[in-house]
Amino acid sequence: MRTTLFVFGVFAVVEVFCGVADNLLPPPTFLNGLNLTAVQSFNSTAFSQNLSWNQKVEQLQQWASSQPPDIQTALSTWEQNTVYNFTVLIAQADDAVINISAMARTLYNQIRAVAIDNTLSGFDQCSQITSDITNFDQKAFNELEQSVPLVATVVASCSYGQEL
């Protein structure tokens, strides 16, 4: 699983799923005290819409290899906390959709599958989710949105070109 909220997260995520949930993910406080170049390098990777979760993890591990050991440890802890938060958000959403209609649950399952696909970039996630929603009955989407309000945030974020 990953962070990005549809973001619920993705280091942004990728924030219901990874990138959208920037505010639901643990802040990378280990960046405090690092020089501006190191912080910018971290942010350009962690919050990139062009990278998948897997690519972000790989590139951030490379970034951390040039940082002091305490930063490497803090990054690892942050990644674990981010994954944990994402897992909790997904579990909460899973619980929230138990009693909705089959059509709304099918839409949720399609969106969920995209959100937990660690190989899709933020742009690809938004494209797929937007397509899924467009191809579904508005009533099913409205029901899903009522059960999992974060879905509306995700859709709005994708509409504005932000990553999940």
C-alpha atoms as a PDB file:
ATOM      1  CA  MET A   1       0.000   0.000   0.000  1.00  0.00           C
ATOM      2  CA  ARG A   2       1.033   3.593  -0.229  1.00  0.00           C
ATOM      3  CA  THR A   3       0.345   6.988   1.170  1.00  0.00           C
ATOM      4  CA  THR A   4      -0.908   9.354  -1.350  1.00  0.00           C
ATOM      5  CA  LEU A   5      -4.240  10.396  -0.239  1.00  0.00           C
ATOM      6  CA  PHE A   6      -6.571   9.657  -2.625  1.00  0.00           C
ATOM      7  CA  VAL A   7      -4.069  10.626  -0.520  1.00  0.00           C
ATOM      8  CA  PHE A   8      -5.825   9.517   0.770  1.00  0.00           C
ATOM      9  CA  GLY A   9      -1.227   9.944  -0.509  1.00  0.00           C
ATOM     10  CA  VAL A  10       1.799   9.429  -2.139  1.00  0.00           C
ATOM     11  CA  PHE A  11       4.317  11.518  -0.266  1.00  0.00           C
ATOM     12  CA  ALA A  12       1.936  14.261  -1.153  1.00  0.00           C
ATOM     13  CA  VAL A  13      -0.420  11.109  -1.410  1.00  0.00           C
ATOM     14  CA  VAL A  14      -1.175  10.482  -2.371  1.00  0.00           C
ATOM     15  CA  GLU A  15      -2.145  11.517  -0.529  1.00  0.00           C
ATOM     16  CA  VAL A  16      -9.538   9.424   0.102  1.00  0.00           C
ATOM     17  CA  PHE A  17      -6.104   8.446  -1.425  1.00  0.00           C
ATOM     18  CA  CYS A  18      -2.363   9.540  -1.417  1.00  0.00           C
ATOM     19  CA  GLY A  19      -1.390  13.203  -2.895  1.00  0.00           C
ATOM     20  CA  VAL A  20      -4.651  14.930  -2.126  1.00  0.00           C
ATOM     21  CA  ALA A  21      -4.150  14.356   1.558  1.00  0.00           C
ATOM     22  CA  ASP A  22      -1.085  16.451   2.036  1.00  0.00           C
ATOM     23  CA  ASN A  23      -2.667  17.756   5.209  1.00  0.00           C
ATOM     24  CA  LEU A  24      -3.471  14.222   6.404  1.00  0.00           C
ATOM     25  CA  LEU A  25       0.053  12.936   6.034  1.00  0.00           C
ATOM     26  CA  PRO A  26       2.782  13.406   8.608  1.00  0.00           C
ATOM     27  CA  PRO A  27       4.825  16.501   7.760  1.00  0.00           C
ATOM     28  CA  PRO A  28       8.468  15.838   6.870  1.00  0.00           C
ATOM     29  CA  THR A  29       9.799  17.694   9.921  1.00  0.00           C
ATOM     30  CA  PHE A  30      13.237  16.153   9.380  1.00  0.00           C
ATOM     31  CA  LEU A  31      13.710  18.779   6.646  1.00  0.00           C
ATOM     32  CA  ASN A  32      13.940  21.473   9.319  1.00  0.00           C
ATOM     33  CA  GLY A  33      17.527  22.639   9.503  1.00  0.00           C
ATOM     34  CA  LEU A  34      18.586  21.256   6.116  1.00  0.00           C
ATOM     35  CA  ASN A  35      19.885  23.637   3.486  1.00  0.00           C
ATOM     36  CA  LEU A  36      17.501  24.993   0.877  1.00  0.00           C
ATOM     37  CA  THR A  37      18.939  22.848  -1.922  1.00  0.00           C
ATOM     38  CA  ALA A  38      18.363  19.633   0.053  1.00  0.00           C
ATOM     39  CA  VAL A  39      14.799  20.673   0.923  1.00  0.00           C
ATOM     40  CA  GLN A  40      14.007  21.625  -2.671  1.00  0.00           C
ATOM     41  CA  SER A  41      15.435  18.337  -3.908  1.00  0.00           C
ATOM     42  CA  PHE A  42      13.299  16.401  -1.434  1.00  0.00           C
ATOM     43  CA  ASN A  43      10.147  18.352  -2.306  1.00  0.00           C
ATOM     44  CA  SER A  44      10.621  18.072  -6.057  1.00  0.00           C
ATOM     45  CA  THR A  45      10.647  14.291  -5.702  1.00  0.00           C
ATOM     46  CA  ALA A  46       8.172  13.750  -2.872  1.00  0.00           C
ATOM     47  CA  PHE A  47       5.505  15.981  -4.367  1.00  0.00           C
ATOM     48  CA  SER A  48       6.028  15.260  -8.045  1.00  0.00           C
ATOM     49  CA  GLN A  49       2.923  14.450 -10.058  1.00  0.00           C
ATOM     50  CA  ASN A  50       5.067  12.731 -12.662  1.00  0.00           C
ATOM     51  CA  LEU A  51       6.385   9.971 -10.409  1.00  0.00           C
ATOM     52  CA  SER A  52       4.760   6.841  -9.046  1.00  0.00           C
ATOM     53  CA  TRP A  53       4.978   5.908  -5.369  1.00  0.00           C
ATOM     54  CA  ASN A  54       7.607   3.300  -6.191  1.00  0.00           C
ATOM     55  CA  GLN A  55       9.693   5.850  -8.096  1.00  0.00           C
ATOM     56  CA  LYS A  56       9.387   8.361  -5.263  1.00  0.00           C
ATOM     57  CA  VAL A  57      10.566   5.855  -2.676  1.00  0.00           C
ATOM     58  CA  GLU A  58      13.539   4.895  -4.829  1.00  0.00           C
ATOM     59  CA  GLN A  59      14.534   8.495  -5.560  1.00  0.00           C
ATOM     60  CA  LEU A  60      14.058   9.601  -1.954  1.00  0.00           C
ATOM     61  CA  GLN A  61      16.269   6.767  -0.764  1.00  0.00           C
ATOM     62  CA  GLN A  62      18.912   8.014  -3.203  1.00  0.00           C
ATOM     63  CA  TRP A  63      18.411  11.541  -1.876  1.00  0.00           C
ATOM     64  CA  ALA A  64      18.755  10.307   1.718  1.00  0.00           C
ATOM     65  CA  SER A  65      21.991   8.477   0.948  1.00  0.00           C
ATOM     66  CA  SER A  66      23.697  11.863   0.644  1.00  0.00           C
ATOM     67  CA  GLN A  67      22.215  13.088   3.948  1.00  0.00           C
ATOM     68  CA  PRO A  68      23.417  12.498   7.522  1.00  0.00           C
ATOM     69  CA  PRO A  69      22.387   9.193   9.154  1.00  0.00           C
ATOM     70  CA  ASP A  70      19.769  10.863  11.374  1.00  0.00           C
ATOM     71  CA  ILE A  71      18.019  12.226   8.257  1.00  0.00           C
ATOM     72  CA  GLN A  72      18.106   8.767   6.658  1.00  0.00           C
ATOM     73  CA  THR A  73      16.478   7.296   9.762  1.00  0.00           C
ATOM     74  CA  ALA A  74      13.918  10.101   9.927  1.00  0.00           C
ATOM     75  CA  LEU A  75      13.008   9.608   6.259  1.00  0.00           C
ATOM     76  CA  SER A  76      12.462   5.909   6.865  1.00  0.00           C
ATOM     77  CA  THR A  77      10.245   6.657   9.863  1.00  0.00           C
ATOM     78  CA  TRP A  78       8.324   9.281   7.873  1.00  0.00           C
ATOM     79  CA  GLU A  79       7.735   6.824   5.033  1.00  0.00           C
ATOM     80  CA  GLN A  80       6.447   4.220   7.510  1.00  0.00           C
ATOM     81  CA  ASN A  81       4.127   6.758   9.162  1.00  0.00           C
ATOM     82  CA  THR A  82       2.860   7.900   5.779  1.00  0.00           C
ATOM     83  CA  VAL A  83       2.071   4.334   4.721  1.00  0.00           C
ATOM     84  CA  TYR A  84       0.378   3.713   8.067  1.00  0.00           C
ATOM     85  CA  ASN A  85      -1.804   6.840   7.710  1.00  0.00           C
ATOM     86  CA  PHE A  86      -2.748   5.859   4.195  1.00  0.00           C
ATOM     87  CA  THR A  87      -3.631   2.343   5.335  1.00  0.00           C
ATOM     88  CA  VAL A  88      -5.852   3.748   8.083  1.00  0.00           C
ATOM     89  CA  LEU A  89      -7.618   6.082   5.629  1.00  0.00           C
ATOM     90  CA  ILE A  90      -8.261   3.210   3.224  1.00  0.00           C
ATOM     91  CA  ALA A  91      -9.603   1.037   6.057  1.00  0.00           C
ATOM     92  CA  GLN A  92     -11.919   3.841   7.165  1.00  0.00           C
ATOM     93  CA  ALA A  93     -13.177   4.296   3.624  1.00  0.00           C
ATOM     94  CA  ASP A  94     -13.632   0.523   3.259  1.00  0.00           C
ATOM     95  CA  ASP A  95     -15.789   0.547   6.397  1.00  0.00           C
ATOM     96  CA  ALA A  96     -17.782   3.551   5.187  1.00  0.00           C
ATOM     97  CA  VAL A  97     -18.853   1.882   1.936  1.00  0.00           C
ATOM     98  CA  ILE A  98     -20.127  -1.384   3.400  1.00  0.00           C
ATOM     99  CA  ASN A  99     -23.791  -0.377   3.261  1.00  0.00           C
ATOM    100  CA  ILE A 100     -23.910   1.647   0.047  1.00  0.00           C
ATOM    101  CA  SER A 101     -25.436   0.443  -3.218  1.00  0.00           C
ATOM    102  CA  ALA A 102     -23.622  -2.065  -5.393  1.00  0.00           C
ATOM    103  CA  MET A 103     -23.096   0.569  -8.089  1.00  0.00           C
ATOM    104  CA  ALA A 104     -21.497   3.076  -5.687  1.00  0.00           C
ATOM    105  CA  ARG A 105     -19.373   0.307  -4.145  1.00  0.00           C
ATOM    106  CA  THR A 106     -18.183  -0.723  -7.621  1.00  0.00           C
ATOM    107  CA  LEU A 107     -17.130   2.860  -8.300  1.00  0.00           C
ATOM    108  CA  TYR A 108     -15.345   2.975  -4.943  1.00  0.00           C
ATOM    109  CA  ASN A 109     -13.509  -0.266  -5.696  1.00  0.00           C
ATOM    110  CA  GLN A 110     -12.346   1.099  -9.048  1.00  0.00           C
ATOM    111  CA  ILE A 111     -11.087   4.309  -7.451  1.00  0.00           C
ATOM    112  CA  ARG A 112      -9.487   2.359  -4.606  1.00  0.00           C
ATOM    113  CA  ALA A 113      -7.612   0.120  -7.044  1.00  0.00           C
ATOM    114  CA  VAL A 114      -6.140   3.176  -8.738  1.00  0.00           C
ATOM    115  CA  ALA A 115      -5.247   4.787  -5.424  1.00  0.00           C
ATOM    116  CA  ILE A 116      -3.274   1.816  -4.176  1.00  0.00           C
ATOM    117  CA  ASP A 117      -1.464   1.155  -7.457  1.00  0.00           C
ATOM    118  CA  ASN A 118       2.116   2.047  -6.608  1.00  0.00           C
ATOM    119  CA  THR A 119       3.124   2.118 -10.273  1.00  0.00           C
ATOM    120  CA  LEU A 120       0.870   4.988 -11.399  1.00  0.00           C
ATOM    121  CA  SER A 121       1.990   8.608 -11.367  1.00  0.00           C
ATOM    122  CA  GLY A 122      -0.235  11.257  -9.804  1.00  0.00           C
ATOM    123  CA  PHE A 123      -1.245  12.410 -13.266  1.00  0.00           C
ATOM    124  CA  ASP A 124      -2.137   8.854 -14.275  1.00  0.00           C
ATOM    125  CA  GLN A 125      -4.128   8.349 -11.091  1.00  0.00           C
ATOM    126  CA  CYS A 126      -6.145  11.504 -11.680  1.00  0.00           C
ATOM    127  CA  SER A 127      -6.740  10.613 -15.300  1.00  0.00           C
ATOM    128  CA  GLN A 128      -8.004   7.144 -14.423  1.00  0.00           C
ATOM    129  CA  ILE A 129     -10.156   8.310 -11.518  1.00  0.00           C
ATOM    130  CA  THR A 130     -11.663  11.100 -13.601  1.00  0.00           C
ATOM    131  CA  SER A 131     -12.438   8.581 -16.331  1.00  0.00           C
ATOM    132  CA  ASP A 132     -13.980   6.144 -13.844  1.00  0.00           C
ATOM    133  CA  ILE A 133     -16.229   8.834 -12.381  1.00  0.00           C
ATOM    134  CA  THR A 134     -17.212  10.182 -15.793  1.00  0.00           C
ATOM    135  CA  ASN A 135     -18.270   6.707 -16.901  1.00  0.00           C
ATOM    136  CA  PHE A 136     -20.466   6.127 -13.850  1.00  0.00           C
ATOM    137  CA  ASP A 137     -23.966   7.231 -13.028  1.00  0.00           C
ATOM    138  CA  GLN A 138     -23.966  10.539 -11.151  1.00  0.00           C
ATOM    139  CA  LYS A 139     -26.253   9.028  -8.518  1.00  0.00           C
ATOM    140  CA  ALA A 140     -23.622   6.390  -7.674  1.00  0.00           C
ATOM    141  CA  PHE A 141     -20.955   9.079  -7.398  1.00  0.00           C
ATOM    142  CA  ASN A 142     -23.157  11.228  -5.155  1.00  0.00           C
ATOM    143  CA  GLU A 143     -23.840   8.252  -2.893  1.00  0.00           C
ATOM    144  CA  LEU A 144     -20.135   7.464  -2.688  1.00  0.00           C
ATOM    145  CA  GLU A 145     -19.351  11.092  -1.964  1.00  0.00           C
ATOM    146  CA  GLN A 146     -21.875  11.041   0.915  1.00  0.00           C
ATOM    147  CA  SER A 147     -20.274   7.929   2.418  1.00  0.00           C
ATOM    148  CA  VAL A 148     -16.659   8.999   1.838  1.00  0.00           C
ATOM    149  CA  PRO A 149     -16.555  12.832   1.720  1.00  0.00           C
ATOM    150  CA  LEU A 150     -12.854  12.797   0.903  1.00  0.00           C
ATOM    151  CA  VAL A 151     -13.840  11.552  -2.562  1.00  0.00           C
ATOM    152  CA  ALA A 152     -15.073  15.077  -3.359  1.00  0.00           C
ATOM    153  CA  THR A 153     -11.694  16.485  -2.335  1.00  0.00           C
ATOM    154  CA  VAL A 154      -9.912  14.018  -4.566  1.00  0.00           C
ATOM    155  CA  VAL A 155     -12.081  14.823  -7.558  1.00  0.00           C
ATOM    156  CA  ALA A 156     -11.663  18.551  -6.998  1.00  0.00           C
ATOM    157  CA  SER A 157      -7.898  18.152  -6.708  1.00  0.00           C
ATOM    158  CA  CYS A 158      -7.749  16.180  -9.923  1.00  0.00           C
ATOM    159  CA  SER A 159      -9.880  18.811 -11.617  1.00  0.00           C
ATOM    160  CA  TYR A 160      -7.275  21.401 -10.660  1.00  0.00           C
ATOM    161  CA  GLY A 161      -4.411  19.242 -11.866  1.00  0.00           C
ATOM    162  CA  GLN A 162      -3.138  18.182  -8.491  1.00  0.00           C
ATOM    163  CA  GLU A 163      -1.886  14.713  -7.832  1.00  0.00           C
ATOM    164  CA  LEU A 164      -3.482  12.168  -5.587  1.00  0.00           C
END
